[in-house]
Amino acid sequence: EQAESMQEVTQEVANLSASVEEVAASAEQVATASEQAESLAEDGQAAAGEVENAMDGIYEAAGNVAESVETIQSRVDEISEIVTVIDNIADQTNLLALNANIEAARSAEGDGFAVVADEVKSLAEESQDRAAEIEETIAAIQSDTAAAVDTIEESNQQVERGADAVQNAIDILDEIGTAVSEVDDGITEVANATDSQASSTEEVATMVEETADTAREVSQKADQIADETNAQSARIDEIGTHIDEML
């Protein structure tokens, strides 16, 4: 019975050793997968970093465009002021031409002067018309530049939101990378521990087998001793019988 028990223990230890080896193999596979996940997280971080750099470039370019638009707006304002001055000069010229016509009408020899005054008035009126057209063009440019500024500001806001989203993604990837690295370290420790445990269980299995062999030898010797004891007991019984007969 003892030998059978030792055999069962040996089998159980062998099964345990096989199970530990399977766990070690699984841990190594998980460790490999964890390393791949960590590598993918690092690739994701690099890609997100490139996107962030690109968005920074877009934001900077949009800022430069906004500055250019503001400069154009400033120049348009200056032109508008000049047109206003031209319009005022045309008004004054028109008034002077009107006064010249009045004076020419009073003078007997003012026909030539009246013709010149009419031409000056005509030029003044044409200047006013052109000034009005320029003002309309300036107003359209101002409207377009204002719309462009609004669009650029909206684009900047979208870029900022995108940059924030990318930064959040980078932070999350950092956390994932850290977590995966910690898991990988833990799995490596488990794999090392299971390898050590597998070695230990193999040693235990060997020791159990040796113990089982020793137990079998002891059992055989015990059987021999029992046989010899039975033989000696039989001899003693014979001697006892002879003694009884002699008495």
C-alpha atoms as a PDB file:
ATOM      1  CA  GLU A   1       0.000   0.000   0.000  1.00  0.00           C
ATOM      2  CA  GLN A   2       2.818   2.357   0.862  1.00  0.00           C
ATOM      3  CA  ALA A   3       4.423   1.665  -2.504  1.00  0.00           C
ATOM      4  CA  GLU A   4       1.127   2.363  -4.259  1.00  0.00           C
ATOM      5  CA  SER A   5       0.767   5.616  -2.321  1.00  0.00           C
ATOM      6  CA  MET A   6       4.284   6.647  -3.295  1.00  0.00           C
ATOM      7  CA  GLN A   7       3.484   5.844  -6.929  1.00  0.00           C
ATOM      8  CA  GLU A   8       0.371   8.019  -6.752  1.00  0.00           C
ATOM      9  CA  VAL A   9       2.399  10.850  -5.218  1.00  0.00           C
ATOM     10  CA  THR A  10       4.977  10.477  -7.976  1.00  0.00           C
ATOM     11  CA  GLN A  11       2.243  10.696 -10.607  1.00  0.00           C
ATOM     12  CA  GLU A  12       0.697  13.758  -8.960  1.00  0.00           C
ATOM     13  CA  VAL A  13       4.069  15.501  -8.804  1.00  0.00           C
ATOM     14  CA  ALA A  14       4.664  14.663 -12.474  1.00  0.00           C
ATOM     15  CA  ASN A  15       1.250  16.119 -13.362  1.00  0.00           C
ATOM     16  CA  LEU A  16       2.039  19.228 -11.304  1.00  0.00           C
ATOM     17  CA  SER A  17       5.367  19.618 -13.082  1.00  0.00           C
ATOM     18  CA  ALA A  18       3.643  19.371 -16.474  1.00  0.00           C
ATOM     19  CA  SER A  19       1.040  21.949 -15.406  1.00  0.00           C
ATOM     20  CA  VAL A  20       3.728  24.337 -14.198  1.00  0.00           C
ATOM     21  CA  GLU A  21       5.579  23.969 -17.496  1.00  0.00           C
ATOM     22  CA  GLU A  22       2.356  24.769 -19.375  1.00  0.00           C
ATOM     23  CA  VAL A  23       1.848  27.858 -17.195  1.00  0.00           C
ATOM     24  CA  ALA A  24       5.436  28.917 -17.863  1.00  0.00           C
ATOM     25  CA  ALA A  25       4.925  28.504 -21.618  1.00  0.00           C
ATOM     26  CA  SER A  26       1.671  30.500 -21.474  1.00  0.00           C
ATOM     27  CA  ALA A  27       3.375  33.213 -19.428  1.00  0.00           C
ATOM     28  CA  GLU A  28       6.119  33.462 -22.039  1.00  0.00           C
ATOM     29  CA  GLN A  29       3.516  33.781 -24.812  1.00  0.00           C
ATOM     30  CA  VAL A  30       1.697  36.502 -22.878  1.00  0.00           C
ATOM     31  CA  ALA A  31       5.014  38.244 -22.247  1.00  0.00           C
ATOM     32  CA  THR A  32       5.709  38.228 -25.992  1.00  0.00           C
ATOM     33  CA  ALA A  33       2.235  39.636 -26.706  1.00  0.00           C
ATOM     34  CA  SER A  34       2.777  42.263 -24.007  1.00  0.00           C
ATOM     35  CA  GLU A  35       6.063  43.305 -25.600  1.00  0.00           C
ATOM     36  CA  GLN A  36       4.305  43.626 -28.963  1.00  0.00           C
ATOM     37  CA  ALA A  37       1.558  45.739 -27.357  1.00  0.00           C
ATOM     38  CA  GLU A  38       4.196  47.946 -25.763  1.00  0.00           C
ATOM     39  CA  SER A  39       5.888  48.355 -29.142  1.00  0.00           C
ATOM     40  CA  LEU A  40       2.550  49.275 -30.754  1.00  0.00           C
ATOM     41  CA  ALA A  41       1.901  51.815 -27.986  1.00  0.00           C
ATOM     42  CA  GLU A  42       5.309  53.369 -28.671  1.00  0.00           C
ATOM     43  CA  ASP A  43       4.516  53.499 -32.403  1.00  0.00           C
ATOM     44  CA  GLY A  44       1.197  55.174 -31.561  1.00  0.00           C
ATOM     45  CA  GLN A  45       3.008  57.724 -29.407  1.00  0.00           C
ATOM     46  CA  ALA A  46       5.406  58.495 -32.249  1.00  0.00           C
ATOM     47  CA  ALA A  47       2.546  58.875 -34.749  1.00  0.00           C
ATOM     48  CA  ALA A  48       0.594  61.105 -32.366  1.00  0.00           C
ATOM     49  CA  GLY A  49       3.724  63.191 -31.850  1.00  0.00           C
ATOM     50  CA  GLU A  50       4.074  63.654 -35.603  1.00  0.00           C
ATOM     51  CA  VAL A  51       0.420  64.705 -35.839  1.00  0.00           C
ATOM     52  CA  GLU A  52       0.946  67.150 -32.989  1.00  0.00           C
ATOM     53  CA  ASN A  53       3.975  68.654 -34.754  1.00  0.00           C
ATOM     54  CA  ALA A  54       1.980  68.939 -37.988  1.00  0.00           C
ATOM     55  CA  MET A  55      -0.877  70.671 -36.166  1.00  0.00           C
ATOM     56  CA  ASP A  56       1.607  73.043 -34.553  1.00  0.00           C
ATOM     57  CA  GLY A  57       2.849  73.871 -38.045  1.00  0.00           C
ATOM     58  CA  ILE A  58      -0.718  74.453 -39.246  1.00  0.00           C
ATOM     59  CA  TYR A  59      -1.414  76.650 -36.230  1.00  0.00           C
ATOM     60  CA  GLU A  60       1.726  78.675 -36.900  1.00  0.00           C
ATOM     61  CA  ALA A  61       0.883  79.017 -40.605  1.00  0.00           C
ATOM     62  CA  ALA A  62      -2.661  80.116 -39.757  1.00  0.00           C
ATOM     63  CA  GLY A  63      -1.214  82.687 -37.384  1.00  0.00           C
ATOM     64  CA  ASN A  64       1.037  84.026 -40.134  1.00  0.00           C
ATOM     65  CA  VAL A  65      -1.926  84.249 -42.515  1.00  0.00           C
ATOM     66  CA  ALA A  66      -3.928  86.072 -39.852  1.00  0.00           C
ATOM     67  CA  GLU A  67      -1.101  88.573 -39.439  1.00  0.00           C
ATOM     68  CA  SER A  68      -0.961  89.064 -43.216  1.00  0.00           C
ATOM     69  CA  VAL A  69      -4.719  89.621 -43.362  1.00  0.00           C
ATOM     70  CA  GLU A  70      -4.475  92.139 -40.541  1.00  0.00           C
ATOM     71  CA  THR A  71      -1.702  93.928 -42.441  1.00  0.00           C
ATOM     72  CA  ILE A  72      -3.890  94.017 -45.560  1.00  0.00           C
ATOM     73  CA  GLN A  73      -6.761  95.341 -43.468  1.00  0.00           C
ATOM     74  CA  SER A  74      -4.490  98.081 -42.148  1.00  0.00           C
ATOM     75  CA  ARG A  75      -3.404  99.038 -45.681  1.00  0.00           C
ATOM     76  CA  VAL A  76      -7.029  99.058 -46.837  1.00  0.00           C
ATOM     77  CA  ASP A  77      -7.899 101.394 -43.971  1.00  0.00           C
ATOM     78  CA  GLU A  78      -5.088 103.711 -45.054  1.00  0.00           C
ATOM     79  CA  ILE A  79      -6.348 103.644 -48.654  1.00  0.00           C
ATOM     80  CA  SER A  80      -9.845 104.388 -47.399  1.00  0.00           C
ATOM     81  CA  GLU A  81      -8.536 107.440 -45.578  1.00  0.00           C
ATOM     82  CA  ILE A  82      -6.748 108.608 -48.747  1.00  0.00           C
ATOM     83  CA  VAL A  83      -9.936 108.117 -50.785  1.00  0.00           C
ATOM     84  CA  THR A  84     -11.802 110.185 -48.221  1.00  0.00           C
ATOM     85  CA  VAL A  85      -9.239 112.960 -48.665  1.00  0.00           C
ATOM     86  CA  ILE A  86      -9.591 112.715 -52.472  1.00  0.00           C
ATOM     87  CA  ASP A  87     -13.363 112.881 -52.152  1.00  0.00           C
ATOM     88  CA  ASN A  88     -13.076 115.994 -49.989  1.00  0.00           C
ATOM     89  CA  ILE A  89     -10.692 117.568 -52.484  1.00  0.00           C
ATOM     90  CA  ALA A  90     -13.143 116.765 -55.298  1.00  0.00           C
ATOM     91  CA  ASP A  91     -15.939 118.412 -53.315  1.00  0.00           C
ATOM     92  CA  GLN A  92     -13.830 121.519 -52.806  1.00  0.00           C
ATOM     93  CA  THR A  93     -12.766 121.512 -56.471  1.00  0.00           C
ATOM     94  CA  ASN A  94     -16.385 121.194 -57.556  1.00  0.00           C
ATOM     95  CA  LEU A  95     -17.287 124.104 -55.298  1.00  0.00           C
ATOM     96  CA  LEU A  96     -14.436 126.194 -56.730  1.00  0.00           C
ATOM     97  CA  ALA A  97     -15.584 125.371 -60.282  1.00  0.00           C
ATOM     98  CA  LEU A  98     -19.110 126.466 -59.379  1.00  0.00           C
ATOM     99  CA  ASN A  99     -17.803 129.752 -57.980  1.00  0.00           C
ATOM    100  CA  ALA A 100     -15.645 130.203 -61.095  1.00  0.00           C
ATOM    101  CA  ASN A 101     -18.689 129.782 -63.328  1.00  0.00           C
ATOM    102  CA  ILE A 102     -20.537 132.360 -61.279  1.00  0.00           C
ATOM    103  CA  GLU A 103     -17.651 134.815 -61.604  1.00  0.00           C
ATOM    104  CA  ALA A 104     -17.347 134.075 -65.332  1.00  0.00           C
ATOM    105  CA  ALA A 105     -21.033 134.822 -65.798  1.00  0.00           C
ATOM    106  CA  ARG A 106     -20.524 138.190 -64.179  1.00  0.00           C
ATOM    107  CA  SER A 107     -17.535 139.005 -66.387  1.00  0.00           C
ATOM    108  CA  ALA A 108     -17.999 139.930 -70.000  1.00  0.00           C
ATOM    109  CA  GLU A 109     -14.837 138.120 -71.040  1.00  0.00           C
ATOM    110  CA  GLY A 110     -15.302 135.039 -68.944  1.00  0.00           C
ATOM    111  CA  ASP A 111     -16.280 132.541 -71.642  1.00  0.00           C
ATOM    112  CA  GLY A 112     -12.878 130.851 -71.731  1.00  0.00           C
ATOM    113  CA  PHE A 113     -12.674 130.820 -67.987  1.00  0.00           C
ATOM    114  CA  ALA A 114     -16.137 129.232 -67.837  1.00  0.00           C
ATOM    115  CA  VAL A 115     -15.004 126.433 -70.164  1.00  0.00           C
ATOM    116  CA  VAL A 116     -12.023 125.714 -67.921  1.00  0.00           C
ATOM    117  CA  ALA A 117     -14.285 125.798 -64.868  1.00  0.00           C
ATOM    118  CA  ASP A 118     -16.639 123.293 -66.509  1.00  0.00           C
ATOM    119  CA  GLU A 119     -13.745 120.973 -67.264  1.00  0.00           C
ATOM    120  CA  VAL A 120     -12.508 121.267 -63.686  1.00  0.00           C
ATOM    121  CA  LYS A 121     -16.020 120.518 -62.446  1.00  0.00           C
ATOM    122  CA  SER A 122     -16.242 117.518 -64.763  1.00  0.00           C
ATOM    123  CA  LEU A 123     -12.917 116.209 -63.470  1.00  0.00           C
ATOM    124  CA  ALA A 124     -14.057 116.747 -59.896  1.00  0.00           C
ATOM    125  CA  GLU A 125     -17.274 114.840 -60.517  1.00  0.00           C
ATOM    126  CA  GLU A 126     -15.357 112.019 -62.215  1.00  0.00           C
ATOM    127  CA  SER A 127     -12.945 111.948 -59.274  1.00  0.00           C
ATOM    128  CA  GLN A 128     -15.889 111.639 -56.916  1.00  0.00           C
ATOM    129  CA  ASP A 129     -17.337 108.789 -59.008  1.00  0.00           C
ATOM    130  CA  ARG A 130     -14.006 106.967 -59.009  1.00  0.00           C
ATOM    131  CA  ALA A 131     -13.618 107.607 -55.288  1.00  0.00           C
ATOM    132  CA  ALA A 132     -17.072 106.126 -54.702  1.00  0.00           C
ATOM    133  CA  GLU A 133     -16.118 103.052 -56.740  1.00  0.00           C
ATOM    134  CA  ILE A 134     -12.892 102.707 -54.761  1.00  0.00           C
ATOM    135  CA  GLU A 135     -14.836 102.992 -51.526  1.00  0.00           C
ATOM    136  CA  GLU A 136     -17.175 100.217 -52.659  1.00  0.00           C
ATOM    137  CA  THR A 137     -14.188  98.041 -53.564  1.00  0.00           C
ATOM    138  CA  ILE A 138     -12.567  98.800 -50.217  1.00  0.00           C
ATOM    139  CA  ALA A 139     -15.795  97.929 -48.415  1.00  0.00           C
ATOM    140  CA  ALA A 140     -15.913  94.590 -50.257  1.00  0.00           C
ATOM    141  CA  ILE A 141     -12.249  93.932 -49.400  1.00  0.00           C
ATOM    142  CA  GLN A 142     -12.894  94.820 -45.767  1.00  0.00           C
ATOM    143  CA  SER A 143     -15.852  92.444 -45.693  1.00  0.00           C
ATOM    144  CA  ASP A 144     -13.796  89.662 -47.287  1.00  0.00           C
ATOM    145  CA  THR A 145     -10.841  90.186 -44.964  1.00  0.00           C
ATOM    146  CA  ALA A 146     -13.158  90.238 -41.943  1.00  0.00           C
ATOM    147  CA  ALA A 147     -14.668  86.933 -43.096  1.00  0.00           C
ATOM    148  CA  ALA A 148     -11.152  85.571 -43.651  1.00  0.00           C
ATOM    149  CA  VAL A 149     -10.143  86.617 -40.144  1.00  0.00           C
ATOM    150  CA  ASP A 150     -13.219  84.896 -38.710  1.00  0.00           C
ATOM    151  CA  THR A 151     -12.430  81.751 -40.706  1.00  0.00           C
ATOM    152  CA  ILE A 152      -8.814  81.781 -39.555  1.00  0.00           C
ATOM    153  CA  GLU A 153      -9.861  82.271 -35.937  1.00  0.00           C
ATOM    154  CA  GLU A 154     -12.297  79.367 -36.237  1.00  0.00           C
ATOM    155  CA  SER A 155      -9.557  77.262 -37.846  1.00  0.00           C
ATOM    156  CA  ASN A 156      -7.206  78.163 -35.014  1.00  0.00           C
ATOM    157  CA  GLN A 157      -9.815  77.065 -32.494  1.00  0.00           C
ATOM    158  CA  GLN A 158     -10.279  73.773 -34.339  1.00  0.00           C
ATOM    159  CA  VAL A 159      -6.509  73.288 -34.468  1.00  0.00           C
ATOM    160  CA  GLU A 160      -6.292  73.987 -30.742  1.00  0.00           C
ATOM    161  CA  ARG A 161      -9.047  71.455 -30.055  1.00  0.00           C
ATOM    162  CA  GLY A 162      -7.276  68.962 -32.305  1.00  0.00           C
ATOM    163  CA  ALA A 163      -3.981  69.616 -30.533  1.00  0.00           C
ATOM    164  CA  ASP A 164      -5.680  69.040 -27.178  1.00  0.00           C
ATOM    165  CA  ALA A 165      -7.184  65.791 -28.476  1.00  0.00           C
ATOM    166  CA  VAL A 166      -3.793  64.647 -29.774  1.00  0.00           C
ATOM    167  CA  GLN A 167      -2.162  65.529 -26.465  1.00  0.00           C
ATOM    168  CA  ASN A 168      -4.837  63.555 -24.633  1.00  0.00           C
ATOM    169  CA  ALA A 169      -4.160  60.630 -26.964  1.00  0.00           C
ATOM    170  CA  ILE A 170      -0.436  60.917 -26.257  1.00  0.00           C
ATOM    171  CA  ASP A 171      -1.108  60.963 -22.511  1.00  0.00           C
ATOM    172  CA  ILE A 172      -3.349  57.898 -22.821  1.00  0.00           C
ATOM    173  CA  LEU A 173      -0.725  56.106 -24.912  1.00  0.00           C
ATOM    174  CA  ASP A 174       1.871  57.009 -22.292  1.00  0.00           C
ATOM    175  CA  GLU A 175      -0.335  55.487 -19.609  1.00  0.00           C
ATOM    176  CA  ILE A 176      -0.953  52.407 -21.770  1.00  0.00           C
ATOM    177  CA  GLY A 177       2.761  52.054 -22.436  1.00  0.00           C
ATOM    178  CA  THR A 178       3.533  52.346 -18.729  1.00  0.00           C
ATOM    179  CA  ALA A 179       0.806  49.855 -17.810  1.00  0.00           C
ATOM    180  CA  VAL A 180       1.914  47.399 -20.491  1.00  0.00           C
ATOM    181  CA  SER A 181       5.513  47.751 -19.341  1.00  0.00           C
ATOM    182  CA  GLU A 182       4.483  47.024 -15.763  1.00  0.00           C
ATOM    183  CA  VAL A 183       2.424  44.036 -16.918  1.00  0.00           C
ATOM    184  CA  ASP A 184       5.363  42.828 -18.976  1.00  0.00           C
ATOM    185  CA  ASP A 185       7.632  43.078 -15.939  1.00  0.00           C
ATOM    186  CA  GLY A 186       5.071  41.188 -13.854  1.00  0.00           C
ATOM    187  CA  ILE A 187       4.668  38.502 -16.493  1.00  0.00           C
ATOM    188  CA  THR A 188       8.439  38.151 -16.754  1.00  0.00           C
ATOM    189  CA  GLU A 189       8.607  37.663 -12.998  1.00  0.00           C
ATOM    190  CA  VAL A 190       5.813  35.085 -13.201  1.00  0.00           C
ATOM    191  CA  ALA A 191       7.586  33.302 -16.045  1.00  0.00           C
ATOM    192  CA  ASN A 192      10.827  33.251 -14.088  1.00  0.00           C
ATOM    193  CA  ALA A 193       8.991  32.040 -10.998  1.00  0.00           C
ATOM    194  CA  THR A 194       7.194  29.304 -12.916  1.00  0.00           C
ATOM    195  CA  ASP A 195      10.466  28.236 -14.530  1.00  0.00           C
ATOM    196  CA  SER A 196      12.004  28.019 -11.081  1.00  0.00           C
ATOM    197  CA  GLN A 197       8.948  26.191  -9.794  1.00  0.00           C
ATOM    198  CA  ALA A 198       9.098  23.784 -12.726  1.00  0.00           C
ATOM    199  CA  SER A 199      12.717  23.040 -11.892  1.00  0.00           C
ATOM    200  CA  SER A 200      11.780  22.570  -8.247  1.00  0.00           C
ATOM    201  CA  THR A 201       8.893  20.248  -9.078  1.00  0.00           C
ATOM    202  CA  GLU A 202      11.172  18.224 -11.353  1.00  0.00           C
ATOM    203  CA  GLU A 203      13.619  17.908  -8.472  1.00  0.00           C
ATOM    204  CA  VAL A 204      10.769  16.930  -6.173  1.00  0.00           C
ATOM    205  CA  ALA A 205       9.570  14.372  -8.714  1.00  0.00           C
ATOM    206  CA  THR A 206      13.080  12.916  -8.871  1.00  0.00           C
ATOM    207  CA  MET A 207      13.275  12.830  -5.077  1.00  0.00           C
ATOM    208  CA  VAL A 208       9.846  11.197  -4.871  1.00  0.00           C
ATOM    209  CA  GLU A 209      10.879   8.580  -7.414  1.00  0.00           C
ATOM    210  CA  GLU A 210      14.051   7.918  -5.442  1.00  0.00           C
ATOM    211  CA  THR A 211      11.993   7.729  -2.254  1.00  0.00           C
ATOM    212  CA  ALA A 212       9.574   5.350  -3.966  1.00  0.00           C
ATOM    213  CA  ASP A 213      12.487   3.157  -5.036  1.00  0.00           C
ATOM    214  CA  THR A 214      13.825   3.230  -1.487  1.00  0.00           C
ATOM    215  CA  ALA A 215      10.369   2.434  -0.149  1.00  0.00           C
ATOM    216  CA  ARG A 216      10.107  -0.525  -2.503  1.00  0.00           C
ATOM    217  CA  GLU A 217      13.497  -1.761  -1.345  1.00  0.00           C
ATOM    218  CA  VAL A 218      12.460  -1.307   2.286  1.00  0.00           C
ATOM    219  CA  SER A 219       9.203  -3.122   1.550  1.00  0.00           C
ATOM    220  CA  GLN A 220      11.096  -5.998  -0.038  1.00  0.00           C
ATOM    221  CA  LYS A 221      13.487  -6.169   2.896  1.00  0.00           C
ATOM    222  CA  ALA A 222      10.559  -6.029   5.288  1.00  0.00           C
ATOM    223  CA  ASP A 223       8.970  -8.924   3.426  1.00  0.00           C
ATOM    224  CA  GLN A 224      12.237 -10.832   3.692  1.00  0.00           C
ATOM    225  CA  ILE A 225      12.484 -10.062   7.410  1.00  0.00           C
ATOM    226  CA  ALA A 226       8.866 -11.147   7.839  1.00  0.00           C
ATOM    227  CA  ASP A 227       9.603 -14.393   6.023  1.00  0.00           C
ATOM    228  CA  GLU A 228      12.684 -14.985   8.146  1.00  0.00           C
ATOM    229  CA  THR A 229      10.725 -14.102  11.265  1.00  0.00           C
ATOM    230  CA  ASN A 230       8.022 -16.572  10.305  1.00  0.00           C
ATOM    231  CA  ALA A 231      10.686 -19.210   9.680  1.00  0.00           C
ATOM    232  CA  GLN A 232      12.307 -18.514  13.015  1.00  0.00           C
ATOM    233  CA  SER A 233       8.904 -18.650  14.678  1.00  0.00           C
ATOM    234  CA  ALA A 234       8.260 -22.026  13.075  1.00  0.00           C
ATOM    235  CA  ARG A 235      11.606 -23.301  14.298  1.00  0.00           C
ATOM    236  CA  ILE A 236      10.883 -22.036  17.779  1.00  0.00           C
ATOM    237  CA  ASP A 237       7.551 -23.850  17.663  1.00  0.00           C
ATOM    238  CA  GLU A 238       9.369 -27.011  16.619  1.00  0.00           C
ATOM    239  CA  ILE A 239      11.873 -26.654  19.432  1.00  0.00           C
ATOM    240  CA  GLY A 240       9.009 -26.092  21.844  1.00  0.00           C
ATOM    241  CA  THR A 241       7.314 -29.236  20.588  1.00  0.00           C
ATOM    242  CA  HIS A 242      10.508 -31.277  20.999  1.00  0.00           C
ATOM    243  CA  ILE A 243      10.990 -29.952  24.498  1.00  0.00           C
ATOM    244  CA  ASP A 244       7.416 -30.880  25.398  1.00  0.00           C
ATOM    245  CA  GLU A 245       7.973 -34.386  24.037  1.00  0.00           C
ATOM    246  CA  MET A 246      11.182 -34.760  26.011  1.00  0.00           C
ATOM    247  CA  LEU A 247       9.432 -33.749  29.179  1.00  0.00           C
END
